């Protein structure tokens, strides 16, 4: 269940997420992941997805402020993919970013005191 998250699938090394025109949340984390995919030279598409796309995906994950970047293991009781190389690379880069370890993204962060 993810009422405040965005969905990503990976198939054959290509990252896909539905376009905002499909009624998606215009999420900051979603946008961040798309930027990181570009940095890592991971091909990314915005395209409408069906439930079948989830069933046949190699990797599936959600993004959101609370979820951050969370792999999904099953949909409708069916095992769907697993955290693979794309999810792991994006997770690592995402956590490096939010921990201030990537200088080129330092202006994205705000210190909390």
N, C-alpha and C. Protein backbone atom coordinates (compact mmCIF):
# COMPACT_ATOMS: atom_id res chain seq x y z
N UNK A 1 0.85 -1.18 0.00
CA UNK A 1 0.00 0.00 0.00
C UNK A 1 0.89 1.23 0.00
N UNK A 2 0.56 2.18 -0.83
CA UNK A 2 1.36 3.39 -0.90
C UNK A 2 0.54 4.55 -1.43
N UNK A 3 -0.26 5.15 -0.58
CA UNK A 3 -1.15 6.22 -1.05
C UNK A 3 -0.44 7.54 -1.30
N UNK A 4 0.75 7.72 -0.74
CA UNK A 4 1.48 8.96 -0.93
C UNK A 4 2.82 8.75 -1.60
N UNK A 5 2.96 7.65 -2.31
CA UNK A 5 4.23 7.31 -2.95
C UNK A 5 4.09 7.25 -4.47
N UNK A 6 5.23 7.26 -5.13
CA UNK A 6 5.27 7.06 -6.57
C UNK A 6 5.92 5.72 -6.87
N UNK A 7 5.59 5.18 -8.01
CA UNK A 7 5.98 3.83 -8.39
C UNK A 7 7.00 3.85 -9.52
N UNK A 8 7.98 2.96 -9.41
CA UNK A 8 8.98 2.77 -10.46
C UNK A 8 9.12 1.29 -10.74
N UNK A 9 9.33 0.93 -12.00
CA UNK A 9 9.65 -0.45 -12.36
C UNK A 9 10.92 -0.45 -13.19
N UNK A 10 11.64 -1.55 -13.11
CA UNK A 10 12.84 -1.74 -13.92
C UNK A 10 12.64 -3.03 -14.70
N UNK A 11 12.84 -2.94 -15.99
CA UNK A 11 12.78 -4.12 -16.86
C UNK A 11 13.89 -3.98 -17.89
N UNK A 12 14.71 -5.01 -17.97
CA UNK A 12 15.83 -5.01 -18.92
C UNK A 12 16.72 -3.77 -18.76
N UNK A 13 16.92 -3.34 -17.51
CA UNK A 13 17.81 -2.22 -17.23
C UNK A 13 17.23 -0.85 -17.46
N UNK A 14 15.95 -0.77 -17.86
CA UNK A 14 15.31 0.51 -18.12
C UNK A 14 14.35 0.84 -16.98
N UNK A 15 14.50 2.02 -16.43
CA UNK A 15 13.66 2.51 -15.34
C UNK A 15 12.43 3.19 -15.94
N UNK A 16 11.25 2.83 -15.44
CA UNK A 16 10.00 3.45 -15.91
C UNK A 16 9.16 3.90 -14.74
N UNK A 17 8.50 5.02 -14.91
CA UNK A 17 7.55 5.53 -13.93
C UNK A 17 6.42 6.21 -14.70
N UNK A 18 5.21 6.15 -14.20
CA UNK A 18 4.11 6.81 -14.91
C UNK A 18 4.33 8.32 -14.98
N UNK A 19 3.82 8.95 -16.04
CA UNK A 19 3.92 10.41 -16.14
C UNK A 19 2.97 11.08 -15.15
N UNK A 20 3.26 12.31 -14.81
CA UNK A 20 2.40 13.05 -13.90
C UNK A 20 0.98 13.16 -14.45
N UNK A 21 0.85 13.17 -15.78
CA UNK A 21 -0.48 13.27 -16.40
C UNK A 21 -1.36 12.06 -16.09
N UNK A 22 -0.77 10.97 -15.58
CA UNK A 22 -1.56 9.81 -15.17
C UNK A 22 -2.14 9.99 -13.76
N UNK A 23 -1.97 11.18 -13.19
CA UNK A 23 -2.52 11.46 -11.87
C UNK A 23 -1.57 11.20 -10.73
N UNK A 24 -0.29 11.13 -11.04
CA UNK A 24 0.71 10.88 -10.00
C UNK A 24 0.98 12.11 -9.16
N UNK A 25 1.46 11.84 -7.97
CA UNK A 25 1.93 12.88 -7.08
C UNK A 25 3.19 13.50 -7.67
N UNK A 26 3.23 14.82 -7.73
CA UNK A 26 4.43 15.49 -8.23
C UNK A 26 5.45 15.52 -7.10
N UNK A 27 6.06 14.36 -6.87
CA UNK A 27 6.89 14.17 -5.70
C UNK A 27 8.32 14.65 -5.86
N UNK A 28 8.84 15.23 -4.79
CA UNK A 28 10.23 15.66 -4.76
C UNK A 28 11.16 14.45 -4.85
N UNK A 29 10.81 13.38 -4.14
CA UNK A 29 11.66 12.18 -4.17
C UNK A 29 11.63 11.54 -5.55
N UNK A 30 10.47 11.53 -6.19
CA UNK A 30 10.35 11.01 -7.56
C UNK A 30 11.29 11.78 -8.48
N UNK A 31 11.23 13.10 -8.41
CA UNK A 31 12.07 13.94 -9.24
C UNK A 31 13.55 13.71 -8.94
N UNK A 32 13.87 13.55 -7.67
CA UNK A 32 15.25 13.28 -7.26
C UNK A 32 15.75 11.99 -7.88
N UNK A 33 14.94 10.93 -7.81
CA UNK A 33 15.34 9.63 -8.38
C UNK A 33 15.55 9.75 -9.88
N UNK A 34 14.71 10.50 -10.58
CA UNK A 34 14.90 10.67 -12.02
C UNK A 34 16.21 11.42 -12.30
N UNK A 35 16.55 12.41 -11.48
CA UNK A 35 17.84 13.11 -11.62
C UNK A 35 19.01 12.17 -11.36
N UNK A 36 18.89 11.36 -10.33
CA UNK A 36 19.97 10.42 -10.00
C UNK A 36 20.14 9.37 -11.09
N UNK A 37 19.03 8.91 -11.66
CA UNK A 37 19.12 7.95 -12.77
C UNK A 37 19.91 8.56 -13.92
N UNK A 38 19.64 9.81 -14.21
CA UNK A 38 20.38 10.50 -15.27
C UNK A 38 21.87 10.57 -14.92
N UNK A 39 22.18 10.91 -13.67
CA UNK A 39 23.59 10.96 -13.23
C UNK A 39 24.28 9.61 -13.42
N UNK A 40 23.55 8.54 -13.13
CA UNK A 40 24.12 7.19 -13.20
C UNK A 40 24.00 6.56 -14.60
N UNK A 41 23.48 7.35 -15.54
CA UNK A 41 23.28 6.90 -16.92
C UNK A 41 22.38 5.67 -17.00
N UNK A 42 21.35 5.67 -16.15
CA UNK A 42 20.32 4.63 -16.19
C UNK A 42 19.20 5.16 -17.07
N UNK A 43 18.89 4.47 -18.18
CA UNK A 43 17.81 4.95 -19.04
C UNK A 43 16.50 5.01 -18.25
N UNK A 44 15.79 6.13 -18.40
CA UNK A 44 14.54 6.31 -17.66
C UNK A 44 13.45 6.83 -18.60
N UNK A 45 12.28 6.26 -18.45
CA UNK A 45 11.12 6.65 -19.25
C UNK A 45 9.96 7.02 -18.34
N UNK A 46 9.16 7.97 -18.78
CA UNK A 46 7.88 8.23 -18.14
C UNK A 46 6.84 7.65 -19.09
N UNK A 47 6.17 6.60 -18.64
CA UNK A 47 5.18 5.93 -19.47
C UNK A 47 4.12 5.31 -18.57
N UNK A 48 2.91 5.22 -19.11
CA UNK A 48 1.83 4.59 -18.34
C UNK A 48 2.19 3.14 -18.08
N UNK A 49 1.87 2.68 -16.87
CA UNK A 49 2.16 1.30 -16.48
C UNK A 49 0.86 0.58 -16.15
N UNK A 50 0.84 -0.70 -16.42
CA UNK A 50 -0.30 -1.54 -16.06
C UNK A 50 0.11 -2.48 -14.94
N UNK A 51 -0.86 -3.12 -14.36
CA UNK A 51 -0.58 -4.13 -13.33
C UNK A 51 0.32 -5.22 -13.91
N UNK A 52 0.10 -5.58 -15.17
CA UNK A 52 0.94 -6.60 -15.82
C UNK A 52 2.40 -6.17 -15.88
N UNK A 53 2.65 -4.87 -16.06
CA UNK A 53 4.03 -4.37 -16.07
C UNK A 53 4.71 -4.65 -14.73
N UNK A 54 3.94 -4.56 -13.65
CA UNK A 54 4.49 -4.87 -12.32
C UNK A 54 4.81 -6.35 -12.20
N UNK A 55 3.91 -7.18 -12.70
CA UNK A 55 4.09 -8.63 -12.59
C UNK A 55 5.35 -9.12 -13.30
N UNK A 56 5.71 -8.48 -14.41
CA UNK A 56 6.85 -8.96 -15.21
C UNK A 56 8.12 -8.13 -15.00
N UNK A 57 8.08 -7.20 -14.07
CA UNK A 57 9.24 -6.33 -13.82
C UNK A 57 10.39 -7.12 -13.20
N UNK A 58 11.59 -6.67 -13.48
CA UNK A 58 12.78 -7.23 -12.83
C UNK A 58 12.94 -6.65 -11.43
N UNK A 59 12.56 -5.39 -11.28
CA UNK A 59 12.65 -4.69 -9.99
C UNK A 59 11.47 -3.72 -9.91
N UNK A 60 10.96 -3.52 -8.70
CA UNK A 60 9.88 -2.56 -8.46
C UNK A 60 10.20 -1.84 -7.15
N UNK A 61 10.03 -0.52 -7.15
CA UNK A 61 10.19 0.22 -5.90
C UNK A 61 9.28 1.44 -5.88
N UNK A 62 9.05 1.96 -4.67
CA UNK A 62 8.27 3.18 -4.51
C UNK A 62 9.18 4.26 -3.94
N UNK A 63 8.77 5.50 -4.17
CA UNK A 63 9.48 6.63 -3.59
C UNK A 63 8.49 7.54 -2.90
N UNK A 64 8.98 8.24 -1.90
CA UNK A 64 8.16 9.21 -1.19
C UNK A 64 8.95 9.79 -0.03
N UNK A 65 8.42 10.84 0.56
CA UNK A 65 9.12 11.48 1.68
C UNK A 65 9.36 10.51 2.82
N UNK A 66 8.35 9.72 3.15
CA UNK A 66 8.51 8.74 4.24
C UNK A 66 9.13 7.44 3.73
N UNK A 67 8.73 7.02 2.54
CA UNK A 67 9.21 5.75 1.98
C UNK A 67 10.66 5.86 1.51
N UNK A 68 11.09 7.07 1.20
CA UNK A 68 12.39 7.33 0.58
C UNK A 68 12.46 6.52 -0.71
N UNK A 69 13.22 5.45 -0.76
CA UNK A 69 13.27 4.59 -1.94
C UNK A 69 13.19 3.16 -1.41
N UNK A 70 11.99 2.59 -1.51
CA UNK A 70 11.70 1.30 -0.88
C UNK A 70 11.37 0.23 -1.91
N UNK A 71 12.15 -0.86 -1.96
CA UNK A 71 11.83 -1.96 -2.88
C UNK A 71 10.49 -2.60 -2.53
N UNK A 72 9.81 -3.09 -3.55
CA UNK A 72 8.53 -3.80 -3.38
C UNK A 72 8.78 -5.26 -3.74
N UNK A 73 8.37 -6.15 -2.86
CA UNK A 73 8.60 -7.58 -3.08
C UNK A 73 7.44 -8.32 -3.71
N UNK A 74 6.20 -7.81 -3.50
CA UNK A 74 5.06 -8.52 -4.08
C UNK A 74 3.93 -7.55 -4.38
N UNK A 75 3.13 -7.92 -5.37
CA UNK A 75 1.94 -7.19 -5.77
C UNK A 75 0.83 -8.21 -5.93
N UNK A 76 -0.29 -7.98 -5.28
CA UNK A 76 -1.42 -8.91 -5.35
C UNK A 76 -1.01 -10.32 -4.94
N UNK A 77 -0.10 -10.43 -3.99
CA UNK A 77 0.35 -11.73 -3.53
C UNK A 77 1.34 -12.42 -4.45
N UNK A 78 1.71 -11.77 -5.55
CA UNK A 78 2.69 -12.32 -6.50
C UNK A 78 4.05 -11.69 -6.24
N UNK A 79 5.07 -12.50 -6.23
CA UNK A 79 6.43 -11.98 -6.10
C UNK A 79 6.75 -11.20 -7.37
N UNK A 80 7.25 -9.99 -7.20
CA UNK A 80 7.63 -9.16 -8.36
C UNK A 80 9.07 -8.73 -8.18
N UNK A 81 9.89 -9.19 -9.05
CA UNK A 81 11.29 -8.78 -9.02
C UNK A 81 11.91 -8.88 -7.65
N UNK A 82 13.00 -8.20 -7.50
CA UNK A 82 13.72 -8.13 -6.23
C UNK A 82 14.63 -6.93 -6.32
N UNK A 83 15.13 -6.45 -5.18
CA UNK A 83 16.06 -5.32 -5.28
C UNK A 83 17.28 -5.75 -6.09
N UNK A 84 17.39 -5.22 -7.27
CA UNK A 84 18.49 -5.59 -8.16
C UNK A 84 19.48 -4.45 -8.30
N UNK A 85 20.31 -4.50 -9.32
CA UNK A 85 21.39 -3.53 -9.46
C UNK A 85 20.91 -2.09 -9.65
N UNK A 86 19.81 -1.89 -10.34
CA UNK A 86 19.32 -0.52 -10.56
C UNK A 86 18.78 0.06 -9.25
N UNK A 87 17.94 -0.70 -8.56
CA UNK A 87 17.40 -0.24 -7.28
C UNK A 87 18.52 0.02 -6.29
N UNK A 88 19.46 -0.90 -6.20
CA UNK A 88 20.56 -0.73 -5.24
C UNK A 88 21.42 0.49 -5.57
N UNK A 89 21.72 0.70 -6.86
CA UNK A 89 22.53 1.86 -7.25
C UNK A 89 21.80 3.17 -6.93
N UNK A 90 20.50 3.21 -7.21
CA UNK A 90 19.73 4.42 -6.92
C UNK A 90 19.59 4.64 -5.42
N UNK A 91 19.38 3.56 -4.66
CA UNK A 91 19.29 3.69 -3.19
C UNK A 91 20.60 4.25 -2.63
N UNK A 92 21.71 3.69 -3.06
CA UNK A 92 23.01 4.13 -2.55
C UNK A 92 23.24 5.61 -2.86
N UNK A 93 22.96 5.99 -4.10
CA UNK A 93 23.16 7.39 -4.51
C UNK A 93 22.19 8.31 -3.75
N UNK A 94 20.94 7.86 -3.59
CA UNK A 94 19.95 8.66 -2.86
C UNK A 94 20.40 8.91 -1.42
N UNK A 95 20.81 7.85 -0.73
CA UNK A 95 21.22 8.02 0.66
C UNK A 95 22.51 8.84 0.78
N UNK A 96 23.41 8.71 -0.19
CA UNK A 96 24.58 9.58 -0.21
C UNK A 96 24.15 11.04 -0.35
N UNK A 97 23.18 11.30 -1.22
CA UNK A 97 22.69 12.66 -1.42
C UNK A 97 22.11 13.23 -0.13
N UNK A 98 21.18 12.50 0.49
CA UNK A 98 20.50 13.05 1.67
C UNK A 98 21.43 13.16 2.88
N UNK A 99 22.54 12.44 2.86
CA UNK A 99 23.53 12.54 3.94
C UNK A 99 24.61 13.58 3.63
N UNK A 100 24.44 14.30 2.52
CA UNK A 100 25.37 15.38 2.19
C UNK A 100 26.70 14.92 1.64
N UNK A 101 26.76 13.72 1.10
CA UNK A 101 28.03 13.17 0.61
C UNK A 101 28.30 13.47 -0.87
N UNK A 102 27.36 14.14 -1.54
CA UNK A 102 27.54 14.45 -2.96
C UNK A 102 27.57 15.97 -3.11
N UNK A 103 28.77 16.54 -3.27
CA UNK A 103 28.91 18.00 -3.28
C UNK A 103 28.02 18.71 -4.30
N UNK A 104 27.84 18.13 -5.47
CA UNK A 104 27.05 18.82 -6.49
C UNK A 104 25.57 18.95 -6.11
N UNK A 105 25.13 18.25 -5.08
CA UNK A 105 23.75 18.37 -4.62
C UNK A 105 23.64 19.09 -3.27
N UNK A 106 24.71 19.70 -2.82
CA UNK A 106 24.69 20.33 -1.49
C UNK A 106 23.64 21.44 -1.39
N UNK A 107 23.34 22.10 -2.51
CA UNK A 107 22.33 23.17 -2.47
C UNK A 107 20.91 22.62 -2.38
N UNK A 108 20.73 21.30 -2.46
CA UNK A 108 19.41 20.69 -2.30
C UNK A 108 19.07 20.47 -0.83
N UNK A 109 20.07 20.59 0.03
CA UNK A 109 19.90 20.23 1.44
C UNK A 109 19.77 21.47 2.32
N UNK A 110 18.98 21.32 3.38
CA UNK A 110 18.80 22.39 4.36
C UNK A 110 19.10 21.84 5.73
N UNK A 111 20.03 22.47 6.46
CA UNK A 111 20.35 21.97 7.80
C UNK A 111 19.16 22.16 8.74
N UNK A 112 18.96 21.18 9.60
CA UNK A 112 17.91 21.25 10.61
C UNK A 112 18.60 21.35 11.96
N UNK A 113 18.25 22.38 12.69
CA UNK A 113 18.89 22.60 13.99
C UNK A 113 17.89 22.43 15.11
